[in-house]
Amino acid sequence: MSDNDILTHLVVLPGWQYDGVFIYKSFVFGDFSEAFAFLARVALISEVLNHHPDWSGVYNKVTLKLRTHDADGITDKDINFARRVEALFQ
């Protein structure tokens, strides 16, 4: 996927950014329990899609970084994953 294609997709994914390697977003929750529950829901998305993010969590903040390692770039898998994560908040 070209950089322009990626940026076009990110327009409808609030808060997601592109650094030339990953699309990524940080999420802040009220406390550790909320952040951990979010990670559990993301894990279920990962398993359903068989696509796994790079993630990190510190107390109430979780950062997800997506790229398709096999394709060495951003693909529709990453955009679909980000959409599903955003749907958790609707």
C-alpha atoms as a PDB file:
ATOM      1  CA  MET A   1       0.000   0.000   0.000  1.00  0.00           C
ATOM      2  CA  SER A   2       1.398   3.409  -0.906  1.00  0.00           C
ATOM      3  CA  ASP A   3       1.935   6.151   1.669  1.00  0.00           C
ATOM      4  CA  ASN A   4      -0.918   8.132   0.071  1.00  0.00           C
ATOM      5  CA  ASP A   5      -3.270   5.133   0.308  1.00  0.00           C
ATOM      6  CA  ILE A   6      -2.365   4.661   3.968  1.00  0.00           C
ATOM      7  CA  LEU A   7      -2.938   8.319   4.810  1.00  0.00           C
ATOM      8  CA  THR A   8      -6.286   8.252   2.971  1.00  0.00           C
ATOM      9  CA  HIS A   9      -7.433   5.311   5.125  1.00  0.00           C
ATOM     10  CA  LEU A  10      -6.265   6.998   8.313  1.00  0.00           C
ATOM     11  CA  VAL A  11      -8.531  10.001   7.705  1.00  0.00           C
ATOM     12  CA  VAL A  12     -11.467   7.939   9.005  1.00  0.00           C
ATOM     13  CA  LEU A  13      -9.499   6.358  11.849  1.00  0.00           C
ATOM     14  CA  PRO A  14      -9.291   9.082  14.516  1.00  0.00           C
ATOM     15  CA  GLY A  15      -5.968   9.337  16.288  1.00  0.00           C
ATOM     16  CA  TRP A  16      -4.164   6.783  14.136  1.00  0.00           C
ATOM     17  CA  GLN A  17      -0.855   7.958  12.728  1.00  0.00           C
ATOM     18  CA  TYR A  18       1.689   6.691  10.216  1.00  0.00           C
ATOM     19  CA  ASP A  19       5.428   6.945  10.774  1.00  0.00           C
ATOM     20  CA  GLY A  20       6.597   5.385   7.503  1.00  0.00           C
ATOM     21  CA  VAL A  21       6.819   1.913   9.060  1.00  0.00           C
ATOM     22  CA  PHE A  22       3.779   1.372  11.293  1.00  0.00           C
ATOM     23  CA  ILE A  23       0.306   2.743  11.732  1.00  0.00           C
ATOM     24  CA  TYR A  24      -0.115   3.326  15.439  1.00  0.00           C
ATOM     25  CA  LYS A  25      -2.279   4.799  18.147  1.00  0.00           C
ATOM     26  CA  SER A  26      -2.027   5.277  21.904  1.00  0.00           C
ATOM     27  CA  PHE A  27      -5.071   4.817  24.107  1.00  0.00           C
ATOM     28  CA  VAL A  28      -5.434   6.178  27.637  1.00  0.00           C
ATOM     29  CA  PHE A  29      -7.850   4.608  30.119  1.00  0.00           C
ATOM     30  CA  GLY A  30      -9.032   5.448  33.601  1.00  0.00           C
ATOM     31  CA  ASP A  31      -6.847   2.847  35.265  1.00  0.00           C
ATOM     32  CA  PHE A  32      -4.823  -0.325  34.779  1.00  0.00           C
ATOM     33  CA  SER A  33      -7.886  -2.600  34.833  1.00  0.00           C
ATOM     34  CA  GLU A  34      -9.523  -0.739  31.954  1.00  0.00           C
ATOM     35  CA  ALA A  35      -6.300  -0.829  29.949  1.00  0.00           C
ATOM     36  CA  PHE A  36      -5.880  -4.544  30.589  1.00  0.00           C
ATOM     37  CA  ALA A  37      -9.496  -5.258  29.580  1.00  0.00           C
ATOM     38  CA  PHE A  38      -8.851  -3.379  26.330  1.00  0.00           C
ATOM     39  CA  LEU A  39      -5.764  -5.510  25.676  1.00  0.00           C
ATOM     40  CA  ALA A  40      -7.863  -8.635  26.217  1.00  0.00           C
ATOM     41  CA  ARG A  41     -10.391  -7.461  23.618  1.00  0.00           C
ATOM     42  CA  VAL A  42      -7.568  -6.625  21.201  1.00  0.00           C
ATOM     43  CA  ALA A  43      -6.163 -10.125  21.733  1.00  0.00           C
ATOM     44  CA  LEU A  44      -9.488 -11.594  20.614  1.00  0.00           C
ATOM     45  CA  ILE A  45      -9.447  -9.443  17.470  1.00  0.00           C
ATOM     46  CA  SER A  46      -5.886 -10.626  16.832  1.00  0.00           C
ATOM     47  CA  GLU A  47      -6.865 -14.251  17.021  1.00  0.00           C
ATOM     48  CA  VAL A  48      -9.942 -13.860  14.811  1.00  0.00           C
ATOM     49  CA  LEU A  49      -7.937 -12.041  12.143  1.00  0.00           C
ATOM     50  CA  ASN A  50      -4.751 -14.081  12.675  1.00  0.00           C
ATOM     51  CA  HIS A  51      -2.928 -10.758  12.677  1.00  0.00           C
ATOM     52  CA  HIS A  52      -1.025  -9.587  15.720  1.00  0.00           C
ATOM     53  CA  PRO A  53       0.023  -6.037  16.618  1.00  0.00           C
ATOM     54  CA  ASP A  54       3.126  -4.825  18.340  1.00  0.00           C
ATOM     55  CA  TRP A  55       1.768  -3.491  21.599  1.00  0.00           C
ATOM     56  CA  SER A  56       2.918  -1.994  24.819  1.00  0.00           C
ATOM     57  CA  GLY A  57       1.138  -1.061  27.988  1.00  0.00           C
ATOM     58  CA  VAL A  58       2.139   1.008  30.990  1.00  0.00           C
ATOM     59  CA  TYR A  59      -0.424   1.420  33.751  1.00  0.00           C
ATOM     60  CA  ASN A  60      -3.381   3.074  31.955  1.00  0.00           C
ATOM     61  CA  LYS A  61      -1.800   3.654  28.521  1.00  0.00           C
ATOM     62  CA  VAL A  62      -1.735   1.154  25.654  1.00  0.00           C
ATOM     63  CA  THR A  63       0.005   1.701  22.327  1.00  0.00           C
ATOM     64  CA  LEU A  64      -0.803  -0.449  19.294  1.00  0.00           C
ATOM     65  CA  LYS A  65       1.513  -0.548  16.291  1.00  0.00           C
ATOM     66  CA  LEU A  66       0.420  -2.340  13.130  1.00  0.00           C
ATOM     67  CA  ARG A  67       2.184  -3.525  10.003  1.00  0.00           C
ATOM     68  CA  THR A  68       2.089  -6.722   8.006  1.00  0.00           C
ATOM     69  CA  HIS A  69       5.537  -8.177   8.587  1.00  0.00           C
ATOM     70  CA  ASP A  70       5.183 -10.760   5.776  1.00  0.00           C
ATOM     71  CA  ALA A  71       4.490  -7.946   3.298  1.00  0.00           C
ATOM     72  CA  ASP A  72       7.098  -5.640   4.851  1.00  0.00           C
ATOM     73  CA  GLY A  73       4.595  -2.805   5.010  1.00  0.00           C
ATOM     74  CA  ILE A  74       1.051  -1.678   5.671  1.00  0.00           C
ATOM     75  CA  THR A  75      -1.714  -3.730   4.048  1.00  0.00           C
ATOM     76  CA  ASP A  76      -5.490  -4.019   4.189  1.00  0.00           C
ATOM     77  CA  LYS A  77      -5.000  -6.368   7.163  1.00  0.00           C
ATOM     78  CA  ASP A  78      -3.668  -3.479   9.223  1.00  0.00           C
ATOM     79  CA  ILE A  79      -6.416  -1.079   8.197  1.00  0.00           C
ATOM     80  CA  ASN A  80      -9.075  -3.699   8.952  1.00  0.00           C
ATOM     81  CA  PHE A  81      -7.494  -4.372  12.338  1.00  0.00           C
ATOM     82  CA  ALA A  82      -7.484  -0.658  13.213  1.00  0.00           C
ATOM     83  CA  ARG A  83     -11.145  -0.395  12.160  1.00  0.00           C
ATOM     84  CA  ARG A  84     -12.082  -3.270  14.438  1.00  0.00           C
ATOM     85  CA  VAL A  85     -10.225  -1.695  17.339  1.00  0.00           C
ATOM     86  CA  GLU A  86     -12.057   1.589  16.760  1.00  0.00           C
ATOM     87  CA  ALA A  87     -15.369  -0.285  16.710  1.00  0.00           C
ATOM     88  CA  LEU A  88     -14.731  -1.253  20.348  1.00  0.00           C
ATOM     89  CA  PHE A  89     -15.450   2.391  21.251  1.00  0.00           C
ATOM     90  CA  GLN A  90     -18.757   2.741  19.392  1.00  0.00           C
END
